[in-house]
Amino acid sequence: MNKVLIVFLSATSAGKVKSMLERKYAIPSKVIQAPTELADLGCSYCLEINEKHLNIAWKIVKSMTISSKGVFKKDNLQKIL
């Protein structure tokens, strides 16, 4: 399955979205430290999810007004949102 990374400024933000995905939609995800190519300034954290769940996850990010650095394909780090 294709994985995507939603990049956040903090582990707390990534954890909030992860929690909502699991509780409300039973969608598995995991919080990881962002690859160095995506962590321009300081630490960043990512929520790794299957690409097929991206629409739901992105709606959660927007509804919770959490700041994100964007969404990237995990395999080549190409920005898709």
C-alpha atoms as a PDB file:
ATOM      1  CA  MET A   1       0.000   0.000   0.000  1.00  0.00           C
ATOM      2  CA  ASN A   2       1.127   3.522  -0.731  1.00  0.00           C
ATOM      3  CA  LYS A   3       1.918   5.544   2.368  1.00  0.00           C
ATOM      4  CA  VAL A   4       1.780   9.293   2.816  1.00  0.00           C
ATOM      5  CA  LEU A   5       3.228  11.572   5.467  1.00  0.00           C
ATOM      6  CA  ILE A   6       1.292  14.504   6.902  1.00  0.00           C
ATOM      7  CA  VAL A   7       3.942  16.790   8.382  1.00  0.00           C
ATOM      8  CA  PHE A   8       3.287  18.729  11.600  1.00  0.00           C
ATOM      9  CA  LEU A   9       5.361  21.097  13.712  1.00  0.00           C
ATOM     10  CA  SER A  10       4.891  19.003  16.854  1.00  0.00           C
ATOM     11  CA  ALA A  11       4.316  15.452  18.018  1.00  0.00           C
ATOM     12  CA  THR A  12       1.289  16.748  19.941  1.00  0.00           C
ATOM     13  CA  SER A  13      -0.465  17.899  16.767  1.00  0.00           C
ATOM     14  CA  ALA A  14       0.292  14.624  14.989  1.00  0.00           C
ATOM     15  CA  GLY A  15      -0.948  12.703  18.038  1.00  0.00           C
ATOM     16  CA  LYS A  16      -4.255  14.569  18.124  1.00  0.00           C
ATOM     17  CA  VAL A  17      -5.009  13.678  14.504  1.00  0.00           C
ATOM     18  CA  LYS A  18      -3.870  10.070  15.083  1.00  0.00           C
ATOM     19  CA  SER A  19      -6.197   9.770  18.055  1.00  0.00           C
ATOM     20  CA  MET A  20      -9.184  11.096  16.102  1.00  0.00           C
ATOM     21  CA  LEU A  21      -8.481   8.788  13.147  1.00  0.00           C
ATOM     22  CA  GLU A  22      -8.390   5.766  15.432  1.00  0.00           C
ATOM     23  CA  ARG A  23     -11.338   6.636  17.672  1.00  0.00           C
ATOM     24  CA  LYS A  24     -13.780   7.911  15.089  1.00  0.00           C
ATOM     25  CA  TYR A  25     -12.809   5.978  11.945  1.00  0.00           C
ATOM     26  CA  ALA A  26     -10.730   2.975  13.140  1.00  0.00           C
ATOM     27  CA  ILE A  27      -7.972   4.031  10.729  1.00  0.00           C
ATOM     28  CA  PRO A  28      -4.490   2.965  11.811  1.00  0.00           C
ATOM     29  CA  SER A  29      -1.627   5.439  11.618  1.00  0.00           C
ATOM     30  CA  LYS A  30       1.657   6.122  13.344  1.00  0.00           C
ATOM     31  CA  VAL A  31       3.560   9.185  14.477  1.00  0.00           C
ATOM     32  CA  ILE A  32       7.179   9.281  13.305  1.00  0.00           C
ATOM     33  CA  GLN A  33       9.919  11.870  13.220  1.00  0.00           C
ATOM     34  CA  ALA A  34       9.985  13.647   9.855  1.00  0.00           C
ATOM     35  CA  PRO A  35      12.731  12.728   7.400  1.00  0.00           C
ATOM     36  CA  THR A  36      15.504  15.327   7.464  1.00  0.00           C
ATOM     37  CA  GLU A  37      14.530  16.475   3.953  1.00  0.00           C
ATOM     38  CA  LEU A  38      11.146  17.616   5.311  1.00  0.00           C
ATOM     39  CA  ALA A  39      12.279  19.067   8.630  1.00  0.00           C
ATOM     40  CA  ASP A  40      13.705  22.367   7.357  1.00  0.00           C
ATOM     41  CA  LEU A  41      13.780  24.207  10.679  1.00  0.00           C
ATOM     42  CA  GLY A  42      13.927  22.284  13.916  1.00  0.00           C
ATOM     43  CA  CYS A  43      12.011  19.141  14.685  1.00  0.00           C
ATOM     44  CA  SER A  44       8.967  18.047  12.766  1.00  0.00           C
ATOM     45  CA  TYR A  45       6.763  15.013  13.128  1.00  0.00           C
ATOM     46  CA  CYS A  46       4.687  13.102  10.625  1.00  0.00           C
ATOM     47  CA  LEU A  47       1.571  11.062  10.712  1.00  0.00           C
ATOM     48  CA  GLU A  48       2.098   8.073   8.427  1.00  0.00           C
ATOM     49  CA  ILE A  49      -1.099   6.696   6.895  1.00  0.00           C
ATOM     50  CA  ASN A  50      -2.263   4.710   3.893  1.00  0.00           C
ATOM     51  CA  GLU A  51      -2.905   7.029   0.981  1.00  0.00           C
ATOM     52  CA  LYS A  52      -6.459   5.707   0.631  1.00  0.00           C
ATOM     53  CA  HIS A  53      -7.300   7.377   3.980  1.00  0.00           C
ATOM     54  CA  LEU A  54      -5.784  10.747   3.117  1.00  0.00           C
ATOM     55  CA  ASN A  55      -9.071  12.556   2.440  1.00  0.00           C
ATOM     56  CA  ILE A  56     -10.458  11.666   5.854  1.00  0.00           C
ATOM     57  CA  ALA A  57      -7.214  12.547   7.634  1.00  0.00           C
ATOM     58  CA  TRP A  58      -6.891  15.883   5.815  1.00  0.00           C
ATOM     59  CA  LYS A  59     -10.482  16.805   6.721  1.00  0.00           C
ATOM     60  CA  ILE A  60      -9.638  16.135  10.373  1.00  0.00           C
ATOM     61  CA  VAL A  61      -6.524  18.338  10.162  1.00  0.00           C
ATOM     62  CA  LYS A  62      -8.567  21.188   8.679  1.00  0.00           C
ATOM     63  CA  SER A  63     -11.509  20.791  11.071  1.00  0.00           C
ATOM     64  CA  MET A  64      -9.196  20.868  14.104  1.00  0.00           C
ATOM     65  CA  THR A  65      -7.390  23.928  12.683  1.00  0.00           C
ATOM     66  CA  ILE A  66      -4.028  22.246  13.177  1.00  0.00           C
ATOM     67  CA  SER A  67      -1.123  23.689  11.238  1.00  0.00           C
ATOM     68  CA  SER A  68       0.531  21.301   8.790  1.00  0.00           C
ATOM     69  CA  LYS A  69       3.565  21.679   6.543  1.00  0.00           C
ATOM     70  CA  GLY A  70       1.825  19.564   3.911  1.00  0.00           C
ATOM     71  CA  VAL A  71       1.371  16.010   2.703  1.00  0.00           C
ATOM     72  CA  PHE A  72       4.131  14.031   1.014  1.00  0.00           C
ATOM     73  CA  LYS A  73       4.409  10.602  -0.585  1.00  0.00           C
ATOM     74  CA  LYS A  74       6.542   8.455   1.699  1.00  0.00           C
ATOM     75  CA  ASP A  75       8.515   6.723  -1.038  1.00  0.00           C
ATOM     76  CA  ASN A  76       9.865   9.806  -2.846  1.00  0.00           C
ATOM     77  CA  LEU A  77       8.858  12.717  -0.552  1.00  0.00           C
ATOM     78  CA  GLN A  78       6.955  14.416  -3.387  1.00  0.00           C
ATOM     79  CA  LYS A  79       4.552  17.020  -2.033  1.00  0.00           C
ATOM     80  CA  ILE A  80       0.930  16.247  -2.927  1.00  0.00           C
ATOM     81  CA  LEU A  81      -0.959  18.752  -0.714  1.00  0.00           C
END
